[in-house]
Every structure is written in structure tokens, then in C-alpha cells.
N, C-alpha and C. Protein backbone atom coordinates (compact mmCIF):
# COMPACT_ATOMS: atom_id res chain seq x y z
N MET A 1 105.85 64.50 50.11
CA MET A 1 106.24 63.58 51.16
C MET A 1 105.22 63.71 52.31
N ASP A 2 104.59 62.63 52.66
CA ASP A 2 103.59 62.65 53.74
C ASP A 2 104.25 62.30 55.08
N ALA A 3 103.44 62.28 56.13
CA ALA A 3 103.96 62.00 57.48
C ALA A 3 104.56 60.62 57.58
N PHE A 4 103.95 59.63 56.93
CA PHE A 4 104.48 58.25 56.97
C PHE A 4 105.90 58.23 56.42
N GLU A 5 106.08 58.78 55.23
CA GLU A 5 107.40 58.78 54.58
C GLU A 5 108.40 59.59 55.38
N THR A 6 108.00 60.73 55.93
CA THR A 6 108.88 61.55 56.73
C THR A 6 109.34 60.77 57.94
N ASN A 7 108.44 60.07 58.60
CA ASN A 7 108.76 59.30 59.80
C ASN A 7 109.75 58.17 59.45
N ILE A 8 109.50 57.46 58.37
CA ILE A 8 110.38 56.36 57.95
C ILE A 8 111.75 56.88 57.61
N ARG A 9 111.80 57.91 56.75
CA ARG A 9 113.11 58.45 56.31
C ARG A 9 113.91 59.04 57.45
N SER A 10 113.27 59.81 58.32
CA SER A 10 114.02 60.45 59.42
C SER A 10 114.48 59.43 60.45
N GLY A 11 113.63 58.41 60.71
CA GLY A 11 114.01 57.38 61.67
C GLY A 11 115.22 56.58 61.19
N LEU A 12 115.20 56.21 59.93
CA LEU A 12 116.33 55.45 59.39
C LEU A 12 117.57 56.32 59.22
N GLU A 13 117.36 57.60 58.92
CA GLU A 13 118.49 58.52 58.77
C GLU A 13 119.25 58.67 60.10
N LEU A 14 118.50 58.63 61.19
CA LEU A 14 119.14 58.75 62.51
C LEU A 14 120.15 57.65 62.77
N ILE A 15 119.94 56.46 62.19
CA ILE A 15 120.90 55.37 62.38
C ILE A 15 121.79 55.18 61.15
N GLY A 16 121.77 56.19 60.27
CA GLY A 16 122.68 56.16 59.14
C GLY A 16 122.28 55.34 57.95
N VAL A 17 120.98 55.05 57.82
CA VAL A 17 120.50 54.25 56.69
C VAL A 17 119.77 55.15 55.71
N LEU A 18 120.27 55.20 54.48
CA LEU A 18 119.60 55.94 53.43
C LEU A 18 118.62 55.00 52.72
N ILE A 19 117.47 55.52 52.37
CA ILE A 19 116.42 54.68 51.80
C ILE A 19 115.96 55.27 50.47
N THR A 20 115.68 54.42 49.50
CA THR A 20 115.28 54.84 48.18
C THR A 20 113.75 54.87 48.06
N ASP A 21 113.26 55.49 47.01
CA ASP A 21 111.81 55.56 46.79
C ASP A 21 111.18 54.17 46.63
N PRO A 22 111.82 53.25 45.88
CA PRO A 22 111.23 51.91 45.81
C PRO A 22 111.15 51.21 47.17
N GLU A 23 112.11 51.46 48.04
CA GLU A 23 112.08 50.87 49.38
C GLU A 23 110.92 51.44 50.18
N ILE A 24 110.64 52.74 50.01
CA ILE A 24 109.49 53.36 50.67
C ILE A 24 108.21 52.70 50.18
N GLN A 25 108.14 52.43 48.88
CA GLN A 25 106.93 51.76 48.33
C GLN A 25 106.76 50.37 48.93
N ILE A 26 107.85 49.66 49.11
CA ILE A 26 107.78 48.33 49.72
C ILE A 26 107.30 48.43 51.16
N ILE A 27 107.82 49.40 51.90
CA ILE A 27 107.41 49.60 53.30
C ILE A 27 105.91 49.93 53.37
N ARG A 28 105.44 50.77 52.45
CA ARG A 28 104.01 51.11 52.40
C ARG A 28 103.15 49.86 52.15
N TYR A 29 103.61 49.01 51.24
CA TYR A 29 102.90 47.79 50.90
C TYR A 29 102.83 46.88 52.12
N ILE A 30 103.94 46.70 52.80
CA ILE A 30 103.96 45.85 54.00
C ILE A 30 103.10 46.44 55.10
N ASP A 31 103.15 47.77 55.26
CA ASP A 31 102.31 48.42 56.26
C ASP A 31 100.83 48.22 55.93
N GLY A 32 100.50 48.19 54.66
CA GLY A 32 99.12 47.93 54.25
C GLY A 32 98.64 46.54 54.66
N ILE A 33 99.56 45.60 54.70
CA ILE A 33 99.22 44.22 55.08
C ILE A 33 99.21 44.04 56.59
N TYR A 34 100.27 44.46 57.25
CA TYR A 34 100.44 44.19 58.68
C TYR A 34 100.22 45.39 59.59
N GLY A 35 100.08 46.58 59.03
CA GLY A 35 100.02 47.81 59.82
C GLY A 35 98.92 47.86 60.87
N GLU A 36 97.69 47.56 60.47
CA GLU A 36 96.57 47.64 61.39
C GLU A 36 96.72 46.66 62.55
N ALA A 37 97.12 45.44 62.25
CA ALA A 37 97.30 44.42 63.30
C ALA A 37 98.44 44.82 64.24
N THR A 38 99.50 45.37 63.67
CA THR A 38 100.65 45.79 64.49
C THR A 38 100.25 46.93 65.42
N ARG A 39 99.52 47.91 64.89
CA ARG A 39 99.09 49.03 65.74
C ARG A 39 98.11 48.56 66.82
N SER A 40 97.24 47.61 66.49
CA SER A 40 96.33 47.06 67.51
C SER A 40 97.09 46.36 68.62
N LEU A 41 98.13 45.60 68.26
CA LEU A 41 98.94 44.92 69.27
C LEU A 41 99.67 45.92 70.13
N GLU A 42 100.21 47.00 69.52
CA GLU A 42 100.89 48.03 70.29
C GLU A 42 99.95 48.70 71.27
N ALA A 43 98.68 48.86 70.88
CA ALA A 43 97.71 49.56 71.73
C ALA A 43 97.09 48.64 72.79
N ALA A 44 97.24 47.35 72.64
CA ALA A 44 96.61 46.41 73.58
C ALA A 44 97.26 46.47 74.97
N ASP A 45 96.42 46.31 75.99
CA ASP A 45 96.92 46.28 77.36
C ASP A 45 97.34 44.85 77.69
N LEU A 46 98.61 44.61 77.68
CA LEU A 46 99.12 43.25 77.95
C LEU A 46 99.71 43.14 79.36
N SER A 47 99.32 44.09 80.24
CA SER A 47 99.90 44.07 81.59
C SER A 47 99.49 42.84 82.37
N GLY A 48 98.34 42.22 82.04
CA GLY A 48 97.90 41.03 82.76
C GLY A 48 98.39 39.73 82.16
N VAL A 49 99.18 39.83 81.11
CA VAL A 49 99.69 38.63 80.44
C VAL A 49 101.11 38.37 80.95
N TRP A 50 101.30 37.19 81.53
CA TRP A 50 102.61 36.85 82.05
C TRP A 50 103.50 36.32 80.93
N ALA A 51 104.73 36.69 80.98
CA ALA A 51 105.70 36.17 80.00
C ALA A 51 105.97 34.69 80.31
N GLU A 52 106.27 33.93 79.30
CA GLU A 52 106.58 32.52 79.50
C GLU A 52 107.90 32.41 80.24
N ALA A 53 107.88 31.76 81.41
CA ALA A 53 109.05 31.70 82.27
C ALA A 53 110.20 30.89 81.68
N ASP A 54 109.90 29.80 81.03
CA ASP A 54 110.97 28.93 80.50
C ASP A 54 110.99 29.00 78.97
N LEU A 55 111.01 30.20 78.45
CA LEU A 55 110.97 30.39 77.01
C LEU A 55 112.15 29.71 76.33
N ASP A 56 111.84 28.80 75.43
CA ASP A 56 112.84 28.11 74.61
C ASP A 56 112.23 27.95 73.23
N PRO A 57 112.62 28.82 72.28
CA PRO A 57 112.01 28.77 70.95
C PRO A 57 112.20 27.45 70.20
N SER A 58 113.08 26.59 70.67
CA SER A 58 113.32 25.32 69.99
C SER A 58 112.29 24.24 70.34
N ARG A 59 111.38 24.54 71.31
CA ARG A 59 110.39 23.53 71.69
C ARG A 59 109.05 24.21 71.98
N ALA A 60 108.02 23.41 72.07
CA ALA A 60 106.68 23.93 72.36
C ALA A 60 106.60 24.45 73.80
N PRO A 61 105.71 25.41 74.08
CA PRO A 61 105.56 25.91 75.44
C PRO A 61 105.14 24.81 76.41
N SER A 62 105.53 24.96 77.67
CA SER A 62 105.16 23.98 78.69
C SER A 62 104.26 24.66 79.70
N ASP A 63 103.65 23.88 80.58
CA ASP A 63 102.78 24.42 81.61
C ASP A 63 103.54 24.84 82.86
N SER A 64 104.81 24.53 82.97
CA SER A 64 105.55 24.86 84.18
C SER A 64 106.16 26.24 84.13
């Protein structure tokens, strides 16, 4: 068991979710696809980016 699997298993165990080996394999596969982009986004400095004030997911963003 490597650090990745230990982190996944222990994190889910804390909230009462047991995970099987095939589920770990699926998580590894997904991390292989999205992992690098997700970690880059987490590391990005977004302090200068303002949140959309009138967020409404049912319509396109507005300029106001």
C-alpha cells in the first residue's frame, strides 16, 4: 500500500466509507487523467480573481 492508497483509504474511513481494491484502481485511473490539472488549480494563486457576484448556474455569466 503506497501513500496514495493510504491517504484515500484513511480519508474515506474517517467518514465511515469502506473502499474496495477495484474502487482504488478506479480512483488511480481518474487521478491519472485529472490529477495534474487538479493539483495545478489547487496551487494557483486565485486571490486576484473575483467571484461572480450574481452567480446563477442556469444562465450565462453577465457583466454586472
